[in-house]
Amino acid sequence: MEHQEYQNGQADVRPWGTWKVVEANERYAVKTISVKPGQRLSLQLHKHRSEHWVVVEGEGVVTLGGDQIRVERGSHIYVPRQTQHRIHNDSDRELRFVEVQFGDRLDENDIVRIEDDYERTGG
């Protein structure tokens, strides 16, 4: 699989919402992620990076390993490398969080999907 590091300003629309790279370099990447009401990201893990999430708008439920954690504005979550995780917006308004990634490889191909509501595979 091709390795292409995140670039400043890179963005994408996904079935569950959107993401945008705010800042990226070889040491870290910062993204803003918006999840539409009632939607959730795939249950996934990363082989090469860990993530820190800070919820800035809305509320929802994070699956982290075997735990379910309720989050709201101001909540923060640490997602260690190789840990299954997802976020679910179970409210009727947008959920937005800031994601800071650290690792030896920072790109969209470092996604291993375990479950996906949209039947996607890979990054």
PDB file of N, CA and C in Angstrom:
ATOM      1  N   MET A   1       0.844  -1.180   0.000  1.00  0.00           N
ATOM      2  CA  MET A   1       0.000   0.000   0.000  1.00  0.00           C
ATOM      3  C   MET A   1       0.886   1.239   0.000  1.00  0.00           C
ATOM      4  N   GLU A   2       0.525   2.205  -0.785  1.00  0.00           N
ATOM      5  CA  GLU A   2       1.326   3.420  -0.925  1.00  0.00           C
ATOM      6  C   GLU A   2       1.276   4.257   0.356  1.00  0.00           C
ATOM      7  N   HIS A   3       2.425   4.830   0.685  1.00  0.00           N
ATOM      8  CA  HIS A   3       2.541   5.699   1.852  1.00  0.00           C
ATOM      9  C   HIS A   3       2.664   7.140   1.384  1.00  0.00           C
ATOM     10  N   GLN A   4       1.686   7.968   1.739  1.00  0.00           N
ATOM     11  CA  GLN A   4       1.728   9.381   1.396  1.00  0.00           C
ATOM     12  C   GLN A   4       1.318  10.171   2.633  1.00  0.00           C
ATOM     13  N   GLU A   5       2.278  10.886   3.206  1.00  0.00           N
ATOM     14  CA  GLU A   5       2.027  11.632   4.433  1.00  0.00           C
ATOM     15  C   GLU A   5       0.962  12.699   4.218  1.00  0.00           C
ATOM     16  N   TYR A   6       0.270  13.027   5.311  1.00  0.00           N
ATOM     17  CA  TYR A   6      -0.721  14.098   5.267  1.00  0.00           C
ATOM     18  C   TYR A   6      -0.077  15.404   4.835  1.00  0.00           C
ATOM     19  N   GLN A   7      -0.851  16.239   4.160  1.00  0.00           N
ATOM     20  CA  GLN A   7      -0.419  17.560   3.726  1.00  0.00           C
ATOM     21  C   GLN A   7      -1.326  18.607   4.364  1.00  0.00           C
ATOM     22  N   ASN A   8      -0.773  19.759   4.720  1.00  0.00           N
ATOM     23  CA  ASN A   8      -1.578  20.854   5.264  1.00  0.00           C
ATOM     24  C   ASN A   8      -2.718  21.176   4.299  1.00  0.00           C
ATOM     25  N   GLY A   9      -3.927  21.283   4.826  1.00  0.00           N
ATOM     26  CA  GLY A   9      -5.094  21.615   4.017  1.00  0.00           C
ATOM     27  C   GLY A   9      -5.777  20.428   3.372  1.00  0.00           C
ATOM     28  N   GLN A  10      -5.168  19.253   3.406  1.00  0.00           N
ATOM     29  CA  GLN A  10      -5.792  18.058   2.838  1.00  0.00           C
ATOM     30  C   GLN A  10      -7.120  17.805   3.546  1.00  0.00           C
ATOM     31  N   ALA A  11      -8.132  17.396   2.798  1.00  0.00           N
ATOM     32  CA  ALA A  11      -9.457  17.171   3.374  1.00  0.00           C
ATOM     33  C   ALA A  11     -10.172  16.080   2.604  1.00  0.00           C
ATOM     34  N   ASP A  12     -11.212  15.519   3.226  1.00  0.00           N
ATOM     35  CA  ASP A  12     -11.994  14.499   2.551  1.00  0.00           C
ATOM     36  C   ASP A  12     -13.406  14.483   3.125  1.00  0.00           C
ATOM     37  N   VAL A  13     -14.349  14.079   2.284  1.00  0.00           N
ATOM     38  CA  VAL A  13     -15.727  13.864   2.690  1.00  0.00           C
ATOM     39  C   VAL A  13     -15.923  12.360   2.762  1.00  0.00           C
ATOM     40  N   ARG A  14     -16.441  11.890   3.871  1.00  0.00           N
ATOM     41  CA  ARG A  14     -16.708  10.467   4.092  1.00  0.00           C
ATOM     42  C   ARG A  14     -18.214  10.293   4.300  1.00  0.00           C
ATOM     43  N   PRO A  15     -18.703   9.052   4.251  1.00  0.00           N
ATOM     44  CA  PRO A  15     -20.159   8.856   4.453  1.00  0.00           C
ATOM     45  C   PRO A  15     -20.650   9.369   5.812  1.00  0.00           C
ATOM     46  N   TRP A  16     -19.785   9.363   6.814  1.00  0.00           N
ATOM     47  CA  TRP A  16     -20.143   9.766   8.181  1.00  0.00           C
ATOM     48  C   TRP A  16     -19.915  11.247   8.459  1.00  0.00           C
ATOM     49  N   GLY A  17     -19.169  11.963   7.589  1.00  0.00           N
ATOM     50  CA  GLY A  17     -18.859  13.368   7.836  1.00  0.00           C
ATOM     51  C   GLY A  17     -17.631  13.812   7.055  1.00  0.00           C
ATOM     52  N   THR A  18     -16.774  14.635   7.690  1.00  0.00           N
ATOM     53  CA  THR A  18     -15.603  15.186   7.002  1.00  0.00           C
ATOM     54  C   THR A  18     -14.384  15.220   7.919  1.00  0.00           C
ATOM     55  N   TRP A  19     -13.203  15.309   7.285  1.00  0.00           N
ATOM     56  CA  TRP A  19     -11.978  15.589   8.042  1.00  0.00           C
ATOM     57  C   TRP A  19     -11.113  16.541   7.234  1.00  0.00           C
ATOM     58  N   LYS A  20     -10.275  17.303   7.972  1.00  0.00           N
ATOM     59  CA  LYS A  20      -9.364  18.244   7.337  1.00  0.00           C
ATOM     60  C   LYS A  20      -8.076  18.306   8.143  1.00  0.00           C
ATOM     61  N   VAL A  21      -6.949  18.296   7.437  1.00  0.00           N
ATOM     62  CA  VAL A  21      -5.645  18.418   8.078  1.00  0.00           C
ATOM     63  C   VAL A  21      -5.365  19.904   8.319  1.00  0.00           C
ATOM     64  N   VAL A  22      -5.181  20.264   9.577  1.00  0.00           N
ATOM     65  CA  VAL A  22      -4.892  21.637   9.965  1.00  0.00           C
ATOM     66  C   VAL A  22      -3.388  21.896   9.905  1.00  0.00           C
ATOM     67  N   GLU A  23      -2.601  20.914  10.349  1.00  0.00           N
ATOM     68  CA  GLU A  23      -1.147  21.020  10.304  1.00  0.00           C
ATOM     69  C   GLU A  23      -0.557  19.620  10.239  1.00  0.00           C
ATOM     70  N   ALA A  24       0.500  19.469   9.455  1.00  0.00           N
ATOM     71  CA  ALA A  24       1.151  18.167   9.340  1.00  0.00           C
ATOM     72  C   ALA A  24       2.624  18.341   9.044  1.00  0.00           C
ATOM     73  N   ASN A  25       3.422  17.469   9.621  1.00  0.00           N
ATOM     74  CA  ASN A  25       4.845  17.372   9.307  1.00  0.00           C
ATOM     75  C   ASN A  25       5.282  15.941   9.585  1.00  0.00           C
ATOM     76  N   GLU A  26       6.568  15.666   9.603  1.00  0.00           N
ATOM     77  CA  GLU A  26       7.024  14.279   9.774  1.00  0.00           C
ATOM     78  C   GLU A  26       6.860  13.771  11.202  1.00  0.00           C
ATOM     79  N   ARG A  27       6.572  14.651  12.165  1.00  0.00           N
ATOM     80  CA  ARG A  27       6.472  14.239  13.567  1.00  0.00           C
ATOM     81  C   ARG A  27       5.047  14.116  14.086  1.00  0.00           C
ATOM     82  N   TYR A  28       4.119  14.903  13.533  1.00  0.00           N
ATOM     83  CA  TYR A  28       2.740  14.872  14.007  1.00  0.00           C
ATOM     84  C   TYR A  28       1.809  15.405  12.927  1.00  0.00           C
ATOM     85  N   ALA A  29       0.510  15.117  13.111  1.00  0.00           N
ATOM     86  CA  ALA A  29      -0.536  15.666  12.249  1.00  0.00           C
ATOM     87  C   ALA A  29      -1.701  16.080  13.135  1.00  0.00           C
ATOM     88  N   VAL A  30      -2.343  17.198  12.766  1.00  0.00           N
ATOM     89  CA  VAL A  30      -3.510  17.698  13.484  1.00  0.00           C
ATOM     90  C   VAL A  30      -4.657  17.773  12.487  1.00  0.00           C
ATOM     91  N   LYS A  31      -5.772  17.119  12.835  1.00  0.00           N
ATOM     92  CA  LYS A  31      -6.955  17.115  11.975  1.00  0.00           C
ATOM     93  C   LYS A  31      -8.165  17.604  12.755  1.00  0.00           C
ATOM     94  N   THR A  32      -9.104  18.223  12.060  1.00  0.00           N
ATOM     95  CA  THR A  32     -10.434  18.444  12.612  1.00  0.00           C
ATOM     96  C   THR A  32     -11.350  17.420  11.945  1.00  0.00           C
ATOM     97  N   ILE A  33     -12.215  16.826  12.738  1.00  0.00           N
ATOM     98  CA  ILE A  33     -13.109  15.778  12.246  1.00  0.00           C
ATOM     99  C   ILE A  33     -14.527  16.114  12.680  1.00  0.00           C
ATOM    100  N   SER A  34     -15.466  16.086  11.727  1.00  0.00           N
ATOM    101  CA  SER A  34     -16.880  16.349  12.002  1.00  0.00           C
ATOM    102  C   SER A  34     -17.679  15.104  11.666  1.00  0.00           C
ATOM    103  N   VAL A  35     -18.522  14.691  12.608  1.00  0.00           N
ATOM    104  CA  VAL A  35     -19.343  13.491  12.439  1.00  0.00           C
ATOM    105  C   VAL A  35     -20.813  13.921  12.432  1.00  0.00           C
ATOM    106  N   LYS A  36     -21.523  13.550  11.370  1.00  0.00           N
ATOM    107  CA  LYS A  36     -22.927  13.909  11.224  1.00  0.00           C
ATOM    108  C   LYS A  36     -23.780  13.223  12.297  1.00  0.00           C
ATOM    109  N   PRO A  37     -24.926  13.837  12.643  1.00  0.00           N
ATOM    110  CA  PRO A  37     -25.833  13.215  13.608  1.00  0.00           C
ATOM    111  C   PRO A  37     -26.192  11.788  13.204  1.00  0.00           C
ATOM    112  N   GLY A  38     -26.147  10.876  14.181  1.00  0.00           N
ATOM    113  CA  GLY A  38     -26.524   9.484  13.954  1.00  0.00           C
ATOM    114  C   GLY A  38     -25.477   8.636  13.263  1.00  0.00           C
ATOM    115  N   GLN A  39     -24.332   9.202  12.916  1.00  0.00           N
ATOM    116  CA  GLN A  39     -23.300   8.461  12.167  1.00  0.00           C
ATOM    117  C   GLN A  39     -22.141   8.068  13.083  1.00  0.00           C
ATOM    118  N   ARG A  40     -21.326   7.121  12.604  1.00  0.00           N
ATOM    119  CA  ARG A  40     -20.149   6.708  13.345  1.00  0.00           C
ATOM    120  C   ARG A  40     -19.044   6.288  12.383  1.00  0.00           C
ATOM    121  N   LEU A  41     -17.819   6.450  12.845  1.00  0.00           N
ATOM    122  CA  LEU A  41     -16.658   6.011  12.082  1.00  0.00           C
ATOM    123  C   LEU A  41     -16.566   4.492  12.155  1.00  0.00           C
ATOM    124  N   SER A  42     -15.736   3.911  11.309  1.00  0.00           N
ATOM    125  CA  SER A  42     -15.520   2.469  11.378  1.00  0.00           C
ATOM    126  C   SER A  42     -14.814   2.113  12.684  1.00  0.00           C
ATOM    127  N   LEU A  43     -15.032   0.886  13.149  1.00  0.00           N
ATOM    128  CA  LEU A  43     -14.240   0.347  14.243  1.00  0.00           C
ATOM    129  C   LEU A  43     -12.904  -0.008  13.616  1.00  0.00           C
ATOM    130  N   GLN A  44     -11.820   0.602  14.106  1.00  0.00           N
ATOM    131  CA  GLN A  44     -10.542   0.526  13.416  1.00  0.00           C
ATOM    132  C   GLN A  44      -9.389   0.537  14.402  1.00  0.00           C
ATOM    133  N   LEU A  45      -8.205   0.302  13.867  1.00  0.00           N
ATOM    134  CA  LEU A  45      -6.977   0.489  14.634  1.00  0.00           C
ATOM    135  C   LEU A  45      -5.902   0.973  13.688  1.00  0.00           C
ATOM    136  N   HIS A  46      -4.809   1.474  14.269  1.00  0.00           N
ATOM    137  CA  HIS A  46      -3.678   1.984  13.501  1.00  0.00           C
ATOM    138  C   HIS A  46      -2.420   1.258  13.948  1.00  0.00           C
ATOM    139  N   LYS A  47      -1.631   0.799  13.006  1.00  0.00           N
ATOM    140  CA  LYS A  47      -0.389   0.081  13.309  1.00  0.00           C
ATOM    141  C   LYS A  47       0.765   1.018  13.615  1.00  0.00           C
ATOM    142  N   HIS A  48       0.708   2.255  13.101  1.00  0.00           N
ATOM    143  CA  HIS A  48       1.867   3.148  13.156  1.00  0.00           C
ATOM    144  C   HIS A  48       1.669   4.428  13.963  1.00  0.00           C
ATOM    145  N   ARG A  49       0.481   4.665  14.499  1.00  0.00           N
ATOM    146  CA  ARG A  49       0.262   5.932  15.191  1.00  0.00           C
ATOM    147  C   ARG A  49      -0.657   5.778  16.396  1.00  0.00           C
ATOM    148  N   SER A  50      -0.517   6.716  17.319  1.00  0.00           N
ATOM    149  CA  SER A  50      -1.472   6.911  18.405  1.00  0.00           C
ATOM    150  C   SER A  50      -2.183   8.238  18.134  1.00  0.00           C
ATOM    151  N   GLU A  51      -3.311   8.446  18.817  1.00  0.00           N
ATOM    152  CA  GLU A  51      -4.099   9.649  18.597  1.00  0.00           C
ATOM    153  C   GLU A  51      -4.587  10.215  19.922  1.00  0.00           C
ATOM    154  N   HIS A  52      -4.686  11.532  19.969  1.00  0.00           N
ATOM    155  CA  HIS A  52      -5.323  12.241  21.076  1.00  0.00           C
ATOM    156  C   HIS A  52      -6.523  12.966  20.492  1.00  0.00           C
ATOM    157  N   TRP A  53      -7.700  12.773  21.081  1.00  0.00           N
ATOM    158  CA  TRP A  53      -8.911  13.432  20.605  1.00  0.00           C
ATOM    159  C   TRP A  53      -9.413  14.405  21.659  1.00  0.00           C
ATOM    160  N   VAL A  54      -9.816  15.603  21.227  1.00  0.00           N
ATOM    161  CA  VAL A  54     -10.466  16.581  22.097  1.00  0.00           C
ATOM    162  C   VAL A  54     -11.782  16.980  21.434  1.00  0.00           C
ATOM    163  N   VAL A  55     -12.881  16.713  22.121  1.00  0.00           N
ATOM    164  CA  VAL A  55     -14.203  17.059  21.588  1.00  0.00           C
ATOM    165  C   VAL A  55     -14.423  18.561  21.780  1.00  0.00           C
ATOM    166  N   VAL A  56     -14.745  19.251  20.688  1.00  0.00           N
ATOM    167  CA  VAL A  56     -14.949  20.703  20.755  1.00  0.00           C
ATOM    168  C   VAL A  56     -16.408  21.107  20.539  1.00  0.00           C
ATOM    169  N   GLU A  57     -17.219  20.218  19.968  1.00  0.00           N
ATOM    170  CA  GLU A  57     -18.655  20.478  19.784  1.00  0.00           C
ATOM    171  C   GLU A  57     -19.397  19.163  19.815  1.00  0.00           C
ATOM    172  N   GLY A  58     -20.585  19.163  20.400  1.00  0.00           N
ATOM    173  CA  GLY A  58     -21.456  18.001  20.354  1.00  0.00           C
ATOM    174  C   GLY A  58     -21.139  16.971  21.427  1.00  0.00           C
ATOM    175  N   GLU A  59     -21.682  15.774  21.215  1.00  0.00           N
ATOM    176  CA  GLU A  59     -21.510  14.680  22.160  1.00  0.00           C
ATOM    177  C   GLU A  59     -21.669  13.357  21.438  1.00  0.00           C
ATOM    178  N   GLY A  60     -21.211  12.291  22.096  1.00  0.00           N
ATOM    179  CA  GLY A  60     -21.328  10.972  21.499  1.00  0.00           C
ATOM    180  C   GLY A  60     -20.721   9.911  22.395  1.00  0.00           C
ATOM    181  N   VAL A  61     -20.430   8.764  21.790  1.00  0.00           N
ATOM    182  CA  VAL A  61     -19.866   7.635  22.518  1.00  0.00           C
ATOM    183  C   VAL A  61     -18.626   7.148  21.781  1.00  0.00           C
ATOM    184  N   VAL A  62     -17.523   6.998  22.530  1.00  0.00           N
ATOM    185  CA  VAL A  62     -16.285   6.454  21.977  1.00  0.00           C
ATOM    186  C   VAL A  62     -16.160   5.003  22.419  1.00  0.00           C
ATOM    187  N   THR A  63     -15.871   4.122  21.467  1.00  0.00           N
ATOM    188  CA  THR A  63     -15.465   2.756  21.779  1.00  0.00           C
ATOM    189  C   THR A  63     -13.948   2.762  21.785  1.00  0.00           C
ATOM    190  N   LEU A  64     -13.358   2.328  22.897  1.00  0.00           N
ATOM    191  CA  LEU A  64     -11.901   2.292  23.052  1.00  0.00           C
ATOM    192  C   LEU A  64     -11.545   0.957  23.677  1.00  0.00           C
ATOM    193  N   GLY A  65     -10.957   0.062  22.846  1.00  0.00           N
ATOM    194  CA  GLY A  65     -10.762  -1.301  23.329  1.00  0.00           C
ATOM    195  C   GLY A  65     -12.134  -1.883  23.620  1.00  0.00           C
ATOM    196  N   GLY A  66     -12.335  -2.398  24.835  1.00  0.00           N
ATOM    197  CA  GLY A  66     -13.635  -2.954  25.219  1.00  0.00           C
ATOM    198  C   GLY A  66     -14.519  -1.980  25.962  1.00  0.00           C
ATOM    199  N   ASP A  67     -14.103  -0.715  26.086  1.00  0.00           N
ATOM    200  CA  ASP A  67     -14.859   0.272  26.862  1.00  0.00           C
ATOM    201  C   ASP A  67     -15.723   1.158  25.976  1.00  0.00           C
ATOM    202  N   GLN A  68     -16.850   1.599  26.539  1.00  0.00           N
ATOM    203  CA  GLN A  68     -17.718   2.605  25.919  1.00  0.00           C
ATOM    204  C   GLN A  68     -17.622   3.851  26.794  1.00  0.00           C
ATOM    205  N   ILE A  69     -17.209   4.984  26.218  1.00  0.00           N
ATOM    206  CA  ILE A  69     -16.963   6.200  26.983  1.00  0.00           C
ATOM    207  C   ILE A  69     -17.822   7.323  26.427  1.00  0.00           C
ATOM    208  N   ARG A  70     -18.668   7.891  27.271  1.00  0.00           N
ATOM    209  CA  ARG A  70     -19.508   9.028  26.868  1.00  0.00           C
ATOM    210  C   ARG A  70     -18.627  10.266  26.782  1.00  0.00           C
ATOM    211  N   VAL A  71     -18.724  11.028  25.680  1.00  0.00           N
ATOM    212  CA  VAL A  71     -17.922  12.239  25.511  1.00  0.00           C
ATOM    213  C   VAL A  71     -18.829  13.418  25.176  1.00  0.00           C
ATOM    214  N   GLU A  72     -18.344  14.602  25.531  1.00  0.00           N
ATOM    215  CA  GLU A  72     -19.036  15.857  25.229  1.00  0.00           C
ATOM    216  C   GLU A  72     -17.972  16.929  25.078  1.00  0.00           C
ATOM    217  N   ARG A  73     -18.400  18.146  24.784  1.00  0.00           N
ATOM    218  CA  ARG A  73     -17.463  19.251  24.622  1.00  0.00           C
ATOM    219  C   ARG A  73     -16.501  19.308  25.814  1.00  0.00           C
ATOM    220  N   GLY A  74     -15.199  19.325  25.522  1.00  0.00           N
ATOM    221  CA  GLY A  74     -14.176  19.359  26.561  1.00  0.00           C
ATOM    222  C   GLY A  74     -13.604  18.004  26.922  1.00  0.00           C
ATOM    223  N   SER A  75     -14.264  16.914  26.504  1.00  0.00           N
ATOM    224  CA  SER A  75     -13.739  15.568  26.781  1.00  0.00           C
ATOM    225  C   SER A  75     -12.492  15.313  25.950  1.00  0.00           C
ATOM    226  N   HIS A  76     -11.587  14.517  26.502  1.00  0.00           N
ATOM    227  CA  HIS A  76     -10.395  14.131  25.741  1.00  0.00           C
ATOM    228  C   HIS A  76     -10.159  12.643  25.908  1.00  0.00           C
ATOM    229  N   ILE A  77      -9.701  12.039  24.820  1.00  0.00           N
ATOM    230  CA  ILE A  77      -9.488  10.592  24.746  1.00  0.00           C
ATOM    231  C   ILE A  77      -8.103  10.338  24.176  1.00  0.00           C
ATOM    232  N   TYR A  78      -7.373   9.397  24.762  1.00  0.00           N
ATOM    233  CA  TYR A  78      -6.093   8.949  24.206  1.00  0.00           C
ATOM    234  C   TYR A  78      -6.321   7.584  23.581  1.00  0.00           C
ATOM    235  N   VAL A  79      -5.950   7.445  22.309  1.00  0.00           N
ATOM    236  CA  VAL A  79      -6.100   6.195  21.569  1.00  0.00           C
ATOM    237  C   VAL A  79      -4.697   5.644  21.300  1.00  0.00           C
ATOM    238  N   PRO A  80      -4.252   4.642  22.078  1.00  0.00           N
ATOM    239  CA  PRO A  80      -2.923   4.075  21.838  1.00  0.00           C
ATOM    240  C   PRO A  80      -2.848   3.339  20.496  1.00  0.00           C
ATOM    241  N   ARG A  81      -1.662   3.282  19.941  1.00  0.00           N
ATOM    242  CA  ARG A  81      -1.417   2.511  18.721  1.00  0.00           C
ATOM    243  C   ARG A  81      -1.896   1.074  18.941  1.00  0.00           C
ATOM    244  N   GLN A  82      -2.467   0.469  17.906  1.00  0.00           N
ATOM    245  CA  GLN A  82      -2.949  -0.923  17.905  1.00  0.00           C
ATOM    246  C   GLN A  82      -4.205  -1.150  18.748  1.00  0.00           C
ATOM    247  N   THR A  83      -4.899  -0.079  19.155  1.00  0.00           N
ATOM    248  CA  THR A  83      -6.112  -0.203  19.968  1.00  0.00           C
ATOM    249  C   THR A  83      -7.345   0.029  19.107  1.00  0.00           C
ATOM    250  N   GLN A  84      -8.304  -0.903  19.160  1.00  0.00           N
ATOM    251  CA  GLN A  84      -9.541  -0.727  18.407  1.00  0.00           C
ATOM    252  C   GLN A  84     -10.316   0.465  18.969  1.00  0.00           C
ATOM    253  N   HIS A  85     -10.859   1.292  18.050  1.00  0.00           N
ATOM    254  CA  HIS A  85     -11.579   2.476  18.479  1.00  0.00           C
ATOM    255  C   HIS A  85     -12.548   2.950  17.399  1.00  0.00           C
ATOM    256  N   ARG A  86     -13.520   3.742  17.844  1.00  0.00           N
ATOM    257  CA  ARG A  86     -14.454   4.428  16.949  1.00  0.00           C
ATOM    258  C   ARG A  86     -15.167   5.488  17.755  1.00  0.00           C
ATOM    259  N   ILE A  87     -15.771   6.441  17.059  1.00  0.00           N
ATOM    260  CA  ILE A  87     -16.616   7.436  17.718  1.00  0.00           C
ATOM    261  C   ILE A  87     -17.974   7.416  17.034  1.00  0.00           C
ATOM    262  N   HIS A  88     -19.022   7.528  17.837  1.00  0.00           N
ATOM    263  CA  HIS A  88     -20.402   7.470  17.348  1.00  0.00           C
ATOM    264  C   HIS A  88     -21.122   8.735  17.807  1.00  0.00           C
ATOM    265  N   ASN A  89     -21.647   9.480  16.863  1.00  0.00           N
ATOM    266  CA  ASN A  89     -22.468  10.641  17.176  1.00  0.00           C
ATOM    267  C   ASN A  89     -23.894  10.150  17.338  1.00  0.00           C
ATOM    268  N   ASP A  90     -24.319   9.958  18.583  1.00  0.00           N
ATOM    269  CA  ASP A  90     -25.672   9.464  18.833  1.00  0.00           C
ATOM    270  C   ASP A  90     -26.641  10.604  19.148  1.00  0.00           C
ATOM    271  N   SER A  91     -26.241  11.830  18.804  1.00  0.00           N
ATOM    272  CA  SER A  91     -27.101  12.993  19.064  1.00  0.00           C
ATOM    273  C   SER A  91     -27.730  13.495  17.765  1.00  0.00           C
ATOM    274  N   ASP A  92     -28.469  14.592  17.876  1.00  0.00           N
ATOM    275  CA  ASP A  92     -29.134  15.156  16.700  1.00  0.00           C
ATOM    276  C   ASP A  92     -28.423  16.404  16.183  1.00  0.00           C
ATOM    277  N   ARG A  93     -27.167  16.632  16.638  1.00  0.00           N
ATOM    278  CA  ARG A  93     -26.375  17.744  16.097  1.00  0.00           C
ATOM    279  C   ARG A  93     -24.951  17.269  15.847  1.00  0.00           C
ATOM    280  N   GLU A  94     -24.237  18.040  15.062  1.00  0.00           N
ATOM    281  CA  GLU A  94     -22.893  17.651  14.646  1.00  0.00           C
ATOM    282  C   GLU A  94     -21.956  17.458  15.839  1.00  0.00           C
ATOM    283  N   LEU A  95     -21.092  16.458  15.743  1.00  0.00           N
ATOM    284  CA  LEU A  95     -20.030  16.200  16.712  1.00  0.00           C
ATOM    285  C   LEU A  95     -18.715  16.559  16.037  1.00  0.00           C
ATOM    286  N   ARG A  96     -17.917  17.400  16.692  1.00  0.00           N
ATOM    287  CA  ARG A  96     -16.636  17.819  16.108  1.00  0.00           C
ATOM    288  C   ARG A  96     -15.533  17.598  17.134  1.00  0.00           C
ATOM    289  N   PHE A  97     -14.396  17.057  16.668  1.00  0.00           N
ATOM    290  CA  PHE A  97     -13.253  16.906  17.556  1.00  0.00           C
ATOM    291  C   PHE A  97     -11.958  17.189  16.817  1.00  0.00           C
ATOM    292  N   VAL A  98     -10.939  17.505  17.590  1.00  0.00           N
ATOM    293  CA  VAL A  98      -9.598  17.732  17.070  1.00  0.00           C
ATOM    294  C   VAL A  98      -8.798  16.474  17.368  1.00  0.00           C
ATOM    295  N   GLU A  99      -8.090  15.974  16.370  1.00  0.00           N
ATOM    296  CA  GLU A  99      -7.284  14.766  16.503  1.00  0.00           C
ATOM    297  C   GLU A  99      -5.818  15.127  16.287  1.00  0.00           C
ATOM    298  N   VAL A 100      -4.970  14.766  17.240  1.00  0.00           N
ATOM    299  CA  VAL A 100      -3.528  14.956  17.106  1.00  0.00           C
ATOM    300  C   VAL A 100      -2.900  13.566  17.009  1.00  0.00           C
ATOM    301  N   GLN A 101      -2.202  13.326  15.911  1.00  0.00           N
ATOM    302  CA  GLN A 101      -1.580  12.019  15.652  1.00  0.00           C
ATOM    303  C   GLN A 101      -0.071  12.095  15.870  1.00  0.00           C
ATOM    304  N   PHE A 102       0.463  11.050  16.507  1.00  0.00           N
ATOM    305  CA  PHE A 102       1.908  10.878  16.667  1.00  0.00           C
ATOM    306  C   PHE A 102       2.258   9.479  16.203  1.00  0.00           C
ATOM    307  N   GLY A 103       3.359   9.325  15.463  1.00  0.00           N
ATOM    308  CA  GLY A 103       3.766   7.992  15.054  1.00  0.00           C
ATOM    309  C   GLY A 103       4.846   8.031  13.998  1.00  0.00           C
ATOM    310  N   ASP A 104       5.263   6.841  13.581  1.00  0.00           N
ATOM    311  CA  ASP A 104       6.329   6.766  12.585  1.00  0.00           C
ATOM    312  C   ASP A 104       5.786   6.774  11.166  1.00  0.00           C
ATOM    313  N   ARG A 105       4.453   6.802  11.028  1.00  0.00           N
ATOM    314  CA  ARG A 105       3.821   6.905   9.713  1.00  0.00           C
ATOM    315  C   ARG A 105       2.470   7.573   9.907  1.00  0.00           C
ATOM    316  N   LEU A 106       2.249   8.676   9.210  1.00  0.00           N
ATOM    317  CA  LEU A 106       1.018   9.450   9.369  1.00  0.00           C
ATOM    318  C   LEU A 106       0.350   9.616   8.014  1.00  0.00           C
ATOM    319  N   ASP A 107      -0.592   8.727   7.708  1.00  0.00           N
ATOM    320  CA  ASP A 107      -1.336   8.822   6.459  1.00  0.00           C
ATOM    321  C   ASP A 107      -2.636   8.045   6.566  1.00  0.00           C
ATOM    322  N   GLU A 108      -3.516   8.221   5.580  1.00  0.00           N
ATOM    323  CA  GLU A 108      -4.826   7.577   5.586  1.00  0.00           C
ATOM    324  C   GLU A 108      -4.760   6.077   5.333  1.00  0.00           C
ATOM    325  N   ASN A 109      -3.624   5.572   4.855  1.00  0.00           N
ATOM    326  CA  ASN A 109      -3.526   4.134   4.615  1.00  0.00           C
ATOM    327  C   ASN A 109      -3.235   3.340   5.877  1.00  0.00           C
ATOM    328  N   ASP A 110      -2.932   4.022   6.993  1.00  0.00           N
ATOM    329  CA  ASP A 110      -2.695   3.330   8.257  1.00  0.00           C
ATOM    330  C   ASP A 110      -4.012   3.156   9.012  1.00  0.00           C
ATOM    331  N   ILE A 111      -4.971   2.536   8.346  1.00  0.00           N
ATOM    332  CA  ILE A 111      -6.266   2.227   8.961  1.00  0.00           C
ATOM    333  C   ILE A 111      -6.561   0.756   8.696  1.00  0.00           C
ATOM    334  N   VAL A 112      -6.777   0.007   9.764  1.00  0.00           N
ATOM    335  CA  VAL A 112      -7.237  -1.374   9.661  1.00  0.00           C
ATOM    336  C   VAL A 112      -8.682  -1.372  10.155  1.00  0.00           C
ATOM    337  N   ARG A 113      -9.627  -1.559   9.246  1.00  0.00           N
ATOM    338  CA  ARG A 113     -11.044  -1.537   9.612  1.00  0.00           C
ATOM    339  C   ARG A 113     -11.474  -2.920  10.091  1.00  0.00           C
ATOM    340  N   ILE A 114     -12.099  -2.970  11.261  1.00  0.00           N
ATOM    341  CA  ILE A 114     -12.615  -4.218  11.828  1.00  0.00           C
ATOM    342  C   ILE A 114     -14.101  -4.352  11.511  1.00  0.00           C
ATOM    343  N   GLU A 115     -14.847  -3.255  11.673  1.00  0.00           N
ATOM    344  CA  GLU A 115     -16.272  -3.191  11.317  1.00  0.00           C
ATOM    345  C   GLU A 115     -16.510  -1.854  10.633  1.00  0.00           C
ATOM    346  N   ASP A 116     -17.417  -1.834   9.653  1.00  0.00           N
ATOM    347  CA  ASP A 116     -17.701  -0.573   8.976  1.00  0.00           C
ATOM    348  C   ASP A 116     -19.149  -0.562   8.499  1.00  0.00           C
ATOM    349  N   ASP A 117     -19.895   0.461   8.892  1.00  0.00           N
ATOM    350  CA  ASP A 117     -21.295   0.586   8.492  1.00  0.00           C
ATOM    351  C   ASP A 117     -21.440   0.765   6.990  1.00  0.00           C
ATOM    352  N   TYR A 118     -20.387   1.191   6.292  1.00  0.00           N
ATOM    353  CA  TYR A 118     -20.437   1.513   4.875  1.00  0.00           C
ATOM    354  C   TYR A 118     -19.700   0.494   4.018  1.00  0.00           C
ATOM    355  N   GLU A 119     -19.308  -0.621   4.627  1.00  0.00           N
ATOM    356  CA  GLU A 119     -18.670  -1.751   3.931  1.00  0.00           C
ATOM    357  C   GLU A 119     -17.397  -1.369   3.204  1.00  0.00           C
ATOM    358  N   ARG A 120     -16.610  -0.457   3.806  1.00  0.00           N
ATOM    359  CA  ARG A 120     -15.308  -0.083   3.243  1.00  0.00           C
ATOM    360  C   ARG A 120     -14.229  -0.985   3.836  1.00  0.00           C
ATOM    361  N   THR A 121     -13.099  -1.040   3.153  1.00  0.00           N
ATOM    362  CA  THR A 121     -11.941  -1.756   3.653  1.00  0.00           C
ATOM    363  C   THR A 121     -10.752  -0.807   3.580  1.00  0.00           C
ATOM    364  N   GLY A 122      -9.678  -1.124   4.282  1.00  0.00           N
ATOM    365  CA  GLY A 122      -8.449  -0.328   4.210  1.00  0.00           C
ATOM    366  C   GLY A 122      -8.652   1.115   4.605  1.00  0.00           C
ATOM    367  N   GLY A 123      -7.738   1.999   4.152  1.00  0.00           N
ATOM    368  CA  GLY A 123      -7.785   3.433   4.476  1.00  0.00           C
ATOM    369  C   GLY A 123      -8.654   4.119   3.530  1.00  0.00           C
TER     370      GLY A 123
END
